[in-house]
């Protein structure tokens, strides 16, 4: 089932921060991890992910740094900041309240 762009747009920041809450990642790694964890539902393109990361970086919610593993090329990694951790906590609670309200409405009158 394909998810509408409008619904996706409202949750992308939360999803990205939740990945970075687990560990620092580079962009392509985030794209693949998101796709894997969602069983293919969330298939971000670079043109979607990088503007989100740049916005989060400008807001002080993530920070970027370069890292090079032995025998591999240098990659730009992103890690969540304290401000980002506070934001993900707020967004997670907001999502929980929203999801519960939607479930209440959708559940009314259904068997």
PDB file of N, CA and C in Angstrom:
ATOM      1  N   UNK A   1       0.847  -1.182   0.000  1.00  0.00           N
ATOM      2  CA  UNK A   1       0.000   0.000   0.000  1.00  0.00           C
ATOM      3  C   UNK A   1       0.888   1.240   0.000  1.00  0.00           C
ATOM      4  N   UNK A   2       0.559   2.175  -0.846  1.00  0.00           N
ATOM      5  CA  UNK A   2       1.321   3.416  -0.937  1.00  0.00           C
ATOM      6  C   UNK A   2       0.757   4.437   0.056  1.00  0.00           C
ATOM      7  N   UNK A   3       1.645   5.104   0.763  1.00  0.00           N
ATOM      8  CA  UNK A   3       1.265   6.118   1.746  1.00  0.00           C
ATOM      9  C   UNK A   3       1.290   7.488   1.068  1.00  0.00           C
ATOM     10  N   UNK A   4       0.272   8.309   1.348  1.00  0.00           N
ATOM     11  CA  UNK A   4       0.184   9.622   0.706  1.00  0.00           C
ATOM     12  C   UNK A   4       1.344  10.521   1.129  1.00  0.00           C
ATOM     13  N   UNK A   5       1.733  11.414   0.218  1.00  0.00           N
ATOM     14  CA  UNK A   5       2.829  12.347   0.501  1.00  0.00           C
ATOM     15  C   UNK A   5       2.506  13.240   1.691  1.00  0.00           C
ATOM     16  N   UNK A   6       1.243  13.632   1.816  1.00  0.00           N
ATOM     17  CA  UNK A   6       0.841  14.513   2.911  1.00  0.00           C
ATOM     18  C   UNK A   6       1.052  13.836   4.266  1.00  0.00           C
ATOM     19  N   UNK A   7       0.687  12.567   4.340  1.00  0.00           N
ATOM     20  CA  UNK A   7       0.859  11.832   5.588  1.00  0.00           C
ATOM     21  C   UNK A   7       2.341  11.629   5.892  1.00  0.00           C
ATOM     22  N   UNK A   8       3.118  11.328   4.875  1.00  0.00           N
ATOM     23  CA  UNK A   8       4.561  11.143   5.039  1.00  0.00           C
ATOM     24  C   UNK A   8       5.237  12.435   5.488  1.00  0.00           C
ATOM     25  N   UNK A   9       4.837  13.541   4.878  1.00  0.00           N
ATOM     26  CA  UNK A   9       5.479  14.825   5.160  1.00  0.00           C
ATOM     27  C   UNK A   9       5.402  15.177   6.643  1.00  0.00           C
ATOM     28  N   UNK A  10       4.308  14.832   7.264  1.00  0.00           N
ATOM     29  CA  UNK A  10       4.125  15.154   8.675  1.00  0.00           C
ATOM     30  C   UNK A  10       4.938  14.301   9.635  1.00  0.00           C
ATOM     31  N   UNK A  11       5.537  13.242   9.139  1.00  0.00           N
ATOM     32  CA  UNK A  11       6.249  12.340  10.044  1.00  0.00           C
ATOM     33  C   UNK A  11       7.732  12.166   9.724  1.00  0.00           C
ATOM     34  N   UNK A  12       8.227  12.789   8.675  1.00  0.00           N
ATOM     35  CA  UNK A  12       9.611  12.545   8.258  1.00  0.00           C
ATOM     36  C   UNK A  12      10.640  13.007   9.291  1.00  0.00           C
ATOM     37  N   UNK A  13      10.437  14.156   9.885  1.00  0.00           N
ATOM     38  CA  UNK A  13      11.391  14.658  10.890  1.00  0.00           C
ATOM     39  C   UNK A  13      11.462  13.683  12.063  1.00  0.00           C
ATOM     40  N   UNK A  14      10.310  13.223  12.520  1.00  0.00           N
ATOM     41  CA  UNK A  14      10.265  12.278  13.632  1.00  0.00           C
ATOM     42  C   UNK A  14      10.984  10.984  13.279  1.00  0.00           C
ATOM     43  N   UNK A  15      10.756  10.489  12.082  1.00  0.00           N
ATOM     44  CA  UNK A  15      11.392   9.243  11.654  1.00  0.00           C
ATOM     45  C   UNK A  15      12.911   9.388  11.566  1.00  0.00           C
ATOM     46  N   UNK A  16      13.376  10.491  10.993  1.00  0.00           N
ATOM     47  CA  UNK A  16      14.821  10.722  10.858  1.00  0.00           C
ATOM     48  C   UNK A  16      15.469  10.842  12.235  1.00  0.00           C
ATOM     49  N   UNK A  17      14.876  11.626  13.115  1.00  0.00           N
ATOM     50  CA  UNK A  17      15.443  11.776  14.457  1.00  0.00           C
ATOM     51  C   UNK A  17      15.443  10.455  15.218  1.00  0.00           C
ATOM     52  N   UNK A  18      14.419   9.642  15.007  1.00  0.00           N
ATOM     53  CA  UNK A  18      14.369   8.367  15.718  1.00  0.00           C
ATOM     54  C   UNK A  18      15.488   7.434  15.267  1.00  0.00           C
ATOM     55  N   UNK A  19      15.851   7.485  13.990  1.00  0.00           N
ATOM     56  CA  UNK A  19      16.993   6.695  13.517  1.00  0.00           C
ATOM     57  C   UNK A  19      18.287   7.179  14.169  1.00  0.00           C
ATOM     58  N   UNK A  20      18.463   8.487  14.197  1.00  0.00           N
ATOM     59  CA  UNK A  20      19.699   9.057  14.743  1.00  0.00           C
ATOM     60  C   UNK A  20      19.776   8.916  16.261  1.00  0.00           C
ATOM     61  N   UNK A  21      18.640   8.709  16.888  1.00  0.00           N
ATOM     62  CA  UNK A  21      18.630   8.479  18.329  1.00  0.00           C
ATOM     63  C   UNK A  21      19.297   7.133  18.650  1.00  0.00           C
ATOM     64  N   UNK A  22      19.210   6.196  17.727  1.00  0.00           N
ATOM     65  CA  UNK A  22      19.818   4.873  17.911  1.00  0.00           C
ATOM     66  C   UNK A  22      21.331   4.913  17.739  1.00  0.00           C
ATOM     67  N   UNK A  23      21.782   5.629  16.680  1.00  0.00           N
ATOM     68  CA  UNK A  23      23.222   5.731  16.411  1.00  0.00           C
ATOM     69  C   UNK A  23      23.458   6.762  15.315  1.00  0.00           C
ATOM     70  N   UNK A  24      24.659   7.341  15.253  1.00  0.00           N
ATOM     71  CA  UNK A  24      24.989   8.241  14.140  1.00  0.00           C
ATOM     72  C   UNK A  24      24.979   7.458  12.822  1.00  0.00           C
ATOM     73  N   UNK A  25      24.538   8.119  11.759  1.00  0.00           N
ATOM     74  CA  UNK A  25      24.459   7.471  10.450  1.00  0.00           C
ATOM     75  C   UNK A  25      24.784   8.464   9.355  1.00  0.00           C
ATOM     76  N   UNK A  26      25.184   7.947   8.197  1.00  0.00           N
ATOM     77  CA  UNK A  26      25.331   8.774   7.007  1.00  0.00           C
ATOM     78  C   UNK A  26      24.041   8.656   6.199  1.00  0.00           C
ATOM     79  N   UNK A  27      23.842   9.563   5.266  1.00  0.00           N
ATOM     80  CA  UNK A  27      22.576   9.671   4.558  1.00  0.00           C
ATOM     81  C   UNK A  27      22.075   8.398   3.914  1.00  0.00           C
ATOM     82  N   UNK A  28      22.901   7.763   3.098  1.00  0.00           N
ATOM     83  CA  UNK A  28      22.470   6.550   2.400  1.00  0.00           C
ATOM     84  C   UNK A  28      22.119   5.445   3.394  1.00  0.00           C
ATOM     85  N   UNK A  29      22.858   5.384   4.488  1.00  0.00           N
ATOM     86  CA  UNK A  29      22.573   4.399   5.535  1.00  0.00           C
ATOM     87  C   UNK A  29      21.185   4.642   6.128  1.00  0.00           C
ATOM     88  N   UNK A  30      20.839   5.918   6.338  1.00  0.00           N
ATOM     89  CA  UNK A  30      19.514   6.254   6.862  1.00  0.00           C
ATOM     90  C   UNK A  30      18.417   5.822   5.902  1.00  0.00           C
ATOM     91  N   UNK A  31      18.627   6.078   4.618  1.00  0.00           N
ATOM     92  CA  UNK A  31      17.640   5.705   3.604  1.00  0.00           C
ATOM     93  C   UNK A  31      17.403   4.199   3.638  1.00  0.00           C
ATOM     94  N   UNK A  32      18.468   3.425   3.664  1.00  0.00           N
ATOM     95  CA  UNK A  32      18.355   1.965   3.670  1.00  0.00           C
ATOM     96  C   UNK A  32      17.757   1.449   4.980  1.00  0.00           C
ATOM     97  N   UNK A  33      18.148   2.031   6.095  1.00  0.00           N
ATOM     98  CA  UNK A  33      17.627   1.614   7.397  1.00  0.00           C
ATOM     99  C   UNK A  33      16.130   1.908   7.498  1.00  0.00           C
ATOM    100  N   UNK A  34      15.727   3.073   7.008  1.00  0.00           N
ATOM    101  CA  UNK A  34      14.316   3.449   7.026  1.00  0.00           C
ATOM    102  C   UNK A  34      13.493   2.465   6.193  1.00  0.00           C
ATOM    103  N   UNK A  35      13.999   2.149   5.024  1.00  0.00           N
ATOM    104  CA  UNK A  35      13.303   1.212   4.138  1.00  0.00           C
ATOM    105  C   UNK A  35      13.216  -0.175   4.783  1.00  0.00           C
ATOM    106  N   UNK A  36      14.301  -0.618   5.373  1.00  0.00           N
ATOM    107  CA  UNK A  36      14.341  -1.939   6.001  1.00  0.00           C
ATOM    108  C   UNK A  36      13.394  -2.024   7.201  1.00  0.00           C
ATOM    109  N   UNK A  37      13.453  -1.036   8.082  1.00  0.00           N
ATOM    110  CA  UNK A  37      12.623  -1.058   9.294  1.00  0.00           C
ATOM    111  C   UNK A  37      11.134  -0.934   8.995  1.00  0.00           C
ATOM    112  N   UNK A  38      10.799  -0.325   7.858  1.00  0.00           N
ATOM    113  CA  UNK A  38       9.387  -0.123   7.512  1.00  0.00           C
ATOM    114  C   UNK A  38       8.878  -1.160   6.510  1.00  0.00           C
ATOM    115  N   UNK A  39       9.663  -2.191   6.258  1.00  0.00           N
ATOM    116  CA  UNK A  39       9.291  -3.210   5.269  1.00  0.00           C
ATOM    117  C   UNK A  39       8.971  -2.598   3.911  1.00  0.00           C
ATOM    118  N   UNK A  40       9.765  -1.599   3.535  1.00  0.00           N
ATOM    119  CA  UNK A  40       9.639  -0.993   2.217  1.00  0.00           C
ATOM    120  C   UNK A  40       8.613   0.114   2.091  1.00  0.00           C
ATOM    121  N   UNK A  41       7.906   0.424   3.157  1.00  0.00           N
ATOM    122  CA  UNK A  41       6.883   1.481   3.099  1.00  0.00           C
ATOM    123  C   UNK A  41       7.537   2.853   2.961  1.00  0.00           C
ATOM    124  N   UNK A  42       8.580   3.113   3.756  1.00  0.00           N
ATOM    125  CA  UNK A  42       9.268   4.400   3.703  1.00  0.00           C
ATOM    126  C   UNK A  42      10.479   4.286   2.791  1.00  0.00           C
ATOM    127  N   UNK A  43      10.352   4.832   1.605  1.00  0.00           N
ATOM    128  CA  UNK A  43      11.436   4.816   0.628  1.00  0.00           C
ATOM    129  C   UNK A  43      11.813   6.260   0.312  1.00  0.00           C
ATOM    130  N   UNK A  44      12.662   6.826   1.166  1.00  0.00           N
ATOM    131  CA  UNK A  44      13.088   8.209   0.987  1.00  0.00           C
ATOM    132  C   UNK A  44      14.082   8.314  -0.153  1.00  0.00           C
ATOM    133  N   UNK A  45      13.995   9.401  -0.859  1.00  0.00           N
ATOM    134  CA  UNK A  45      14.988   9.745  -1.876  1.00  0.00           C
ATOM    135  C   UNK A  45      15.957  10.738  -1.234  1.00  0.00           C
ATOM    136  N   UNK A  46      17.139  10.853  -1.823  1.00  0.00           N
ATOM    137  CA  UNK A  46      18.123  11.807  -1.301  1.00  0.00           C
ATOM    138  C   UNK A  46      17.555  13.223  -1.297  1.00  0.00           C
ATOM    139  N   UNK A  47      16.754  13.546  -2.308  1.00  0.00           N
ATOM    140  CA  UNK A  47      16.155  14.872  -2.415  1.00  0.00           C
ATOM    141  C   UNK A  47      15.140  15.163  -1.329  1.00  0.00           C
ATOM    142  N   UNK A  48      14.689  14.136  -0.631  1.00  0.00           N
ATOM    143  CA  UNK A  48      13.801  14.303   0.517  1.00  0.00           C
ATOM    144  C   UNK A  48      14.611  14.365   1.804  1.00  0.00           C
ATOM    145  N   UNK A  49      15.559  13.452   1.943  1.00  0.00           N
ATOM    146  CA  UNK A  49      16.308  13.326   3.193  1.00  0.00           C
ATOM    147  C   UNK A  49      17.240  14.498   3.474  1.00  0.00           C
ATOM    148  N   UNK A  50      18.052  14.881   2.501  1.00  0.00           N
ATOM    149  CA  UNK A  50      19.085  15.886   2.782  1.00  0.00           C
ATOM    150  C   UNK A  50      18.531  17.260   3.153  1.00  0.00           C
ATOM    151  N   UNK A  51      17.458  17.739   2.540  1.00  0.00           N
ATOM    152  CA  UNK A  51      16.891  19.007   3.029  1.00  0.00           C
ATOM    153  C   UNK A  51      16.412  18.914   4.482  1.00  0.00           C
ATOM    154  N   UNK A  52      15.883  17.759   4.872  1.00  0.00           N
ATOM    155  CA  UNK A  52      15.461  17.563   6.262  1.00  0.00           C
ATOM    156  C   UNK A  52      16.675  17.621   7.189  1.00  0.00           C
ATOM    157  N   UNK A  53      17.731  16.921   6.809  1.00  0.00           N
ATOM    158  CA  UNK A  53      18.953  16.927   7.622  1.00  0.00           C
ATOM    159  C   UNK A  53      19.552  18.324   7.731  1.00  0.00           C
ATOM    160  N   UNK A  54      19.568  19.067   6.633  1.00  0.00           N
ATOM    161  CA  UNK A  54      20.119  20.431   6.656  1.00  0.00           C
ATOM    162  C   UNK A  54      19.274  21.339   7.548  1.00  0.00           C
ATOM    163  N   UNK A  55      17.965  21.175   7.485  1.00  0.00           N
ATOM    164  CA  UNK A  55      17.066  21.959   8.332  1.00  0.00           C
ATOM    165  C   UNK A  55      17.292  21.610   9.813  1.00  0.00           C
ATOM    166  N   UNK A  56      17.385  20.319  10.108  1.00  0.00           N
ATOM    167  CA  UNK A  56      17.627  19.887  11.487  1.00  0.00           C
ATOM    168  C   UNK A  56      18.985  20.368  11.992  1.00  0.00           C
ATOM    169  N   UNK A  57      19.963  20.391  11.100  1.00  0.00           N
ATOM    170  CA  UNK A  57      21.295  20.879  11.478  1.00  0.00           C
ATOM    171  C   UNK A  57      21.250  22.381  11.766  1.00  0.00           C
ATOM    172  N   UNK A  58      20.561  23.136  10.917  1.00  0.00           N
ATOM    173  CA  UNK A  58      20.438  24.584  11.116  1.00  0.00           C
ATOM    174  C   UNK A  58      19.708  24.906  12.421  1.00  0.00           C
ATOM    175  N   UNK A  59      18.769  24.041  12.807  1.00  0.00           N
ATOM    176  CA  UNK A  59      18.020  24.235  14.052  1.00  0.00           C
ATOM    177  C   UNK A  59      18.755  23.708  15.284  1.00  0.00           C
ATOM    178  N   UNK A  60      19.925  23.103  15.068  1.00  0.00           N
ATOM    179  CA  UNK A  60      20.704  22.592  16.186  1.00  0.00           C
ATOM    180  C   UNK A  60      20.231  21.252  16.728  1.00  0.00           C
ATOM    181  N   UNK A  61      19.423  20.539  15.948  1.00  0.00           N
ATOM    182  CA  UNK A  61      18.895  19.244  16.398  1.00  0.00           C
ATOM    183  C   UNK A  61      19.794  18.074  16.014  1.00  0.00           C
ATOM    184  N   UNK A  62      20.583  18.254  14.972  1.00  0.00           N
ATOM    185  CA  UNK A  62      21.589  17.259  14.588  1.00  0.00           C
ATOM    186  C   UNK A  62      22.878  18.000  14.268  1.00  0.00           C
ATOM    187  N   UNK A  63      23.976  17.270  14.326  1.00  0.00           N
ATOM    188  CA  UNK A  63      25.244  17.845  13.892  1.00  0.00           C
ATOM    189  C   UNK A  63      25.911  16.858  12.949  1.00  0.00           C
ATOM    190  N   UNK A  64      26.602  17.420  11.972  1.00  0.00           N
ATOM    191  CA  UNK A  64      27.273  16.610  10.958  1.00  0.00           C
ATOM    192  C   UNK A  64      28.768  16.580  11.243  1.00  0.00           C
ATOM    193  N   UNK A  65      29.389  15.483  10.880  1.00  0.00           N
ATOM    194  CA  UNK A  65      30.846  15.365  10.991  1.00  0.00           C
ATOM    195  C   UNK A  65      31.325  14.365   9.946  1.00  0.00           C
ATOM    196  N   UNK A  66      32.570  14.499   9.570  1.00  0.00           N
ATOM    197  CA  UNK A  66      33.158  13.603   8.575  1.00  0.00           C
ATOM    198  C   UNK A  66      33.872  12.465   9.282  1.00  0.00           C
ATOM    199  N   UNK A  67      33.720  11.268   8.727  1.00  0.00           N
ATOM    200  CA  UNK A  67      34.381  10.091   9.287  1.00  0.00           C
ATOM    201  C   UNK A  67      34.839   9.194   8.144  1.00  0.00           C
ATOM    202  N   UNK A  68      36.024   8.659   8.300  1.00  0.00           N
ATOM    203  CA  UNK A  68      36.563   7.772   7.270  1.00  0.00           C
ATOM    204  C   UNK A  68      36.987   6.463   7.918  1.00  0.00           C
ATOM    205  N   UNK A  69      36.359   5.378   7.489  1.00  0.00           N
ATOM    206  CA  UNK A  69      36.762   4.061   7.967  1.00  0.00           C
ATOM    207  C   UNK A  69      37.910   3.570   7.108  1.00  0.00           C
ATOM    208  N   UNK A  70      38.752   2.756   7.708  1.00  0.00           N
ATOM    209  CA  UNK A  70      39.926   2.258   6.994  1.00  0.00           C
ATOM    210  C   UNK A  70      39.508   1.527   5.716  1.00  0.00           C
ATOM    211  N   UNK A  71      40.113   1.946   4.618  1.00  0.00           N
ATOM    212  CA  UNK A  71      39.840   1.315   3.332  1.00  0.00           C
ATOM    213  C   UNK A  71      38.562   1.776   2.659  1.00  0.00           C
ATOM    214  N   UNK A  72      37.873   2.720   3.264  1.00  0.00           N
ATOM    215  CA  UNK A  72      36.624   3.237   2.688  1.00  0.00           C
ATOM    216  C   UNK A  72      36.740   4.741   2.514  1.00  0.00           C
ATOM    217  N   UNK A  73      35.823   5.277   1.728  1.00  0.00           N
ATOM    218  CA  UNK A  73      35.862   6.718   1.497  1.00  0.00           C
ATOM    219  C   UNK A  73      35.272   7.484   2.685  1.00  0.00           C
ATOM    220  N   UNK A  74      35.607   8.742   2.747  1.00  0.00           N
ATOM    221  CA  UNK A  74      35.124   9.629   3.802  1.00  0.00           C
ATOM    222  C   UNK A  74      33.617   9.837   3.619  1.00  0.00           C
ATOM    223  N   UNK A  75      32.876   9.773   4.728  1.00  0.00           N
ATOM    224  CA  UNK A  75      31.426   9.965   4.680  1.00  0.00           C
ATOM    225  C   UNK A  75      31.008  11.010   5.708  1.00  0.00           C
ATOM    226  N   UNK A  76      29.942  11.715   5.368  1.00  0.00           N
ATOM    227  CA  UNK A  76      29.388  12.707   6.288  1.00  0.00           C
ATOM    228  C   UNK A  76      28.323  12.016   7.144  1.00  0.00           C
ATOM    229  N   UNK A  77      28.596  11.950   8.423  1.00  0.00           N
ATOM    230  CA  UNK A  77      27.674  11.335   9.370  1.00  0.00           C
ATOM    231  C   UNK A  77      26.874  12.421  10.083  1.00  0.00           C
ATOM    232  N   UNK A  78      25.720  12.014  10.581  1.00  0.00           N
ATOM    233  CA  UNK A  78      24.867  12.901  11.366  1.00  0.00           C
ATOM    234  C   UNK A  78      24.591  12.237  12.703  1.00  0.00           C
ATOM    235  N   UNK A  79      24.597  13.060  13.762  1.00  0.00           N
ATOM    236  CA  UNK A  79      24.248  12.552  15.085  1.00  0.00           C
ATOM    237  C   UNK A  79      23.272  13.526  15.728  1.00  0.00           C
ATOM    238  N   UNK A  80      22.444  12.990  16.587  1.00  0.00           N
ATOM    239  CA  UNK A  80      21.435  13.796  17.259  1.00  0.00           C
ATOM    240  C   UNK A  80      22.098  14.588  18.389  1.00  0.00           C
ATOM    241  N   UNK A  81      21.615  15.787  18.629  1.00  0.00           N
ATOM    242  CA  UNK A  81      22.114  16.628  19.718  1.00  0.00           C
ATOM    243  C   UNK A  81      21.135  16.556  20.891  1.00  0.00           C
ATOM    244  N   UNK A  82      21.485  17.211  21.968  1.00  0.00           N
ATOM    245  CA  UNK A  82      20.574  17.260  23.118  1.00  0.00           C
ATOM    246  C   UNK A  82      19.248  17.912  22.713  1.00  0.00           C
ATOM    247  N   UNK A  83      19.347  18.967  21.931  1.00  0.00           N
ATOM    248  CA  UNK A  83      18.130  19.638  21.454  1.00  0.00           C
ATOM    249  C   UNK A  83      17.292  18.689  20.593  1.00  0.00           C
ATOM    250  N   UNK A  84      17.955  17.906  19.750  1.00  0.00           N
ATOM    251  CA  UNK A  84      17.257  16.929  18.919  1.00  0.00           C
ATOM    252  C   UNK A  84      16.599  15.841  19.752  1.00  0.00           C
ATOM    253  N   UNK A  85      17.264  15.437  20.827  1.00  0.00           N
ATOM    254  CA  UNK A  85      16.691  14.424  21.721  1.00  0.00           C
ATOM    255  C   UNK A  85      15.420  14.939  22.390  1.00  0.00           C
ATOM    256  N   UNK A  86      15.433  16.212  22.771  1.00  0.00           N
ATOM    257  CA  UNK A  86      14.227  16.809  23.354  1.00  0.00           C
ATOM    258  C   UNK A  86      13.110  16.873  22.317  1.00  0.00           C
ATOM    259  N   UNK A  87      13.471  17.238  21.081  1.00  0.00           N
ATOM    260  CA  UNK A  87      12.472  17.332  20.018  1.00  0.00           C
ATOM    261  C   UNK A  87      11.867  15.969  19.708  1.00  0.00           C
ATOM    262  N   UNK A  88      12.682  14.918  19.649  1.00  0.00           N
ATOM    263  CA  UNK A  88      12.136  13.591  19.346  1.00  0.00           C
ATOM    264  C   UNK A  88      11.221  13.119  20.473  1.00  0.00           C
ATOM    265  N   UNK A  89      11.532  13.468  21.706  1.00  0.00           N
ATOM    266  CA  UNK A  89      10.655  13.112  22.827  1.00  0.00           C
ATOM    267  C   UNK A  89       9.299  13.800  22.675  1.00  0.00           C
ATOM    268  N   UNK A  90       9.318  15.092  22.311  1.00  0.00           N
ATOM    269  CA  UNK A  90       8.072  15.832  22.091  1.00  0.00           C
ATOM    270  C   UNK A  90       7.289  15.257  20.920  1.00  0.00           C
ATOM    271  N   UNK A  91       7.990  15.001  19.812  1.00  0.00           N
ATOM    272  CA  UNK A  91       7.335  14.489  18.601  1.00  0.00           C
ATOM    273  C   UNK A  91       6.752  13.093  18.829  1.00  0.00           C
ATOM    274  N   UNK A  92       7.455  12.268  19.600  1.00  0.00           N
ATOM    275  CA  UNK A  92       6.971  10.919  19.883  1.00  0.00           C
ATOM    276  C   UNK A  92       5.698  10.978  20.718  1.00  0.00           C
ATOM    277  N   UNK A  93       5.680  11.859  21.704  1.00  0.00           N
ATOM    278  CA  UNK A  93       4.482  12.012  22.527  1.00  0.00           C
ATOM    279  C   UNK A  93       3.328  12.576  21.690  1.00  0.00           C
ATOM    280  N   UNK A  94       3.630  13.563  20.867  1.00  0.00           N
ATOM    281  CA  UNK A  94       2.620  14.152  19.983  1.00  0.00           C
ATOM    282  C   UNK A  94       2.039  13.075  19.060  1.00  0.00           C
ATOM    283  N   UNK A  95       2.913  12.239  18.491  1.00  0.00           N
ATOM    284  CA  UNK A  95       2.467  11.174  17.591  1.00  0.00           C
ATOM    285  C   UNK A  95       1.576  10.175  18.331  1.00  0.00           C
ATOM    286  N   UNK A  96       1.926   9.854  19.563  1.00  0.00           N
ATOM    287  CA  UNK A  96       1.147   8.909  20.356  1.00  0.00           C
ATOM    288  C   UNK A  96      -0.264   9.432  20.615  1.00  0.00           C
ATOM    289  N   UNK A  97      -0.365  10.696  20.978  1.00  0.00           N
ATOM    290  CA  UNK A  97      -1.675  11.313  21.211  1.00  0.00           C
ATOM    291  C   UNK A  97      -2.483  11.317  19.917  1.00  0.00           C
ATOM    292  N   UNK A  98      -1.843  11.695  18.815  1.00  0.00           N
ATOM    293  CA  UNK A  98      -2.508  11.736  17.508  1.00  0.00           C
ATOM    294  C   UNK A  98      -2.991  10.341  17.102  1.00  0.00           C
ATOM    295  N   UNK A  99      -2.103   9.354  17.213  1.00  0.00           N
ATOM    296  CA  UNK A  99      -2.447   7.984  16.821  1.00  0.00           C
ATOM    297  C   UNK A  99      -3.611   7.455  17.652  1.00  0.00           C
ATOM    298  N   UNK A 100      -3.593   7.716  18.958  1.00  0.00           N
ATOM    299  CA  UNK A 100      -4.688   7.266  19.818  1.00  0.00           C
ATOM    300  C   UNK A 100      -6.007   7.921  19.431  1.00  0.00           C
ATOM    301  N   UNK A 101      -5.972   9.208  19.109  1.00  0.00           N
ATOM    302  CA  UNK A 101      -7.193   9.907  18.701  1.00  0.00           C
ATOM    303  C   UNK A 101      -7.727   9.349  17.384  1.00  0.00           C
ATOM    304  N   UNK A 102      -6.837   9.100  16.430  1.00  0.00           N
ATOM    305  CA  UNK A 102      -7.253   8.518  15.149  1.00  0.00           C
ATOM    306  C   UNK A 102      -7.844   7.129  15.380  1.00  0.00           C
ATOM    307  N   UNK A 103      -7.193   6.327  16.207  1.00  0.00           N
ATOM    308  CA  UNK A 103      -7.708   4.988  16.510  1.00  0.00           C
ATOM    309  C   UNK A 103      -9.095   5.056  17.139  1.00  0.00           C
ATOM    310  N   UNK A 104      -9.307   6.038  18.010  1.00  0.00           N
ATOM    311  CA  UNK A 104     -10.620   6.202  18.645  1.00  0.00           C
ATOM    312  C   UNK A 104     -11.691   6.512  17.606  1.00  0.00           C
ATOM    313  N   UNK A 105     -11.374   7.418  16.694  1.00  0.00           N
ATOM    314  CA  UNK A 105     -12.347   7.799  15.664  1.00  0.00           C
ATOM    315  C   UNK A 105     -12.583   6.644  14.700  1.00  0.00           C
ATOM    316  N   UNK A 106     -11.519   6.037  14.228  1.00  0.00           N
ATOM    317  CA  UNK A 106     -11.659   4.935  13.273  1.00  0.00           C
ATOM    318  C   UNK A 106     -12.307   3.713  13.905  1.00  0.00           C
ATOM    319  N   UNK A 107     -12.098   3.528  15.191  1.00  0.00           N
ATOM    320  CA  UNK A 107     -12.623   2.350  15.875  1.00  0.00           C
ATOM    321  C   UNK A 107     -14.105   2.428  16.183  1.00  0.00           C
ATOM    322  N   UNK A 108     -14.672   3.636  16.188  1.00  0.00           N
ATOM    323  CA  UNK A 108     -16.092   3.791  16.512  1.00  0.00           C
ATOM    324  C   UNK A 108     -16.955   3.111  15.465  1.00  0.00           C
ATOM    325  N   UNK A 109     -17.861   2.245  15.939  1.00  0.00           N
ATOM    326  CA  UNK A 109     -18.815   1.607  15.033  1.00  0.00           C
ATOM    327  C   UNK A 109     -18.244   0.464  14.215  1.00  0.00           C
ATOM    328  N   UNK A 110     -16.994   0.119  14.442  1.00  0.00           N
ATOM    329  CA  UNK A 110     -16.389  -1.002  13.699  1.00  0.00           C
ATOM    330  C   UNK A 110     -16.417  -2.257  14.561  1.00  0.00           C
ATOM    331  N   UNK A 111     -16.581  -3.356  13.903  1.00  0.00           N
ATOM    332  CA  UNK A 111     -16.628  -4.639  14.622  1.00  0.00           C
ATOM    333  C   UNK A 111     -15.245  -5.118  14.968  1.00  0.00           C
TER     334      UNK A 111
END
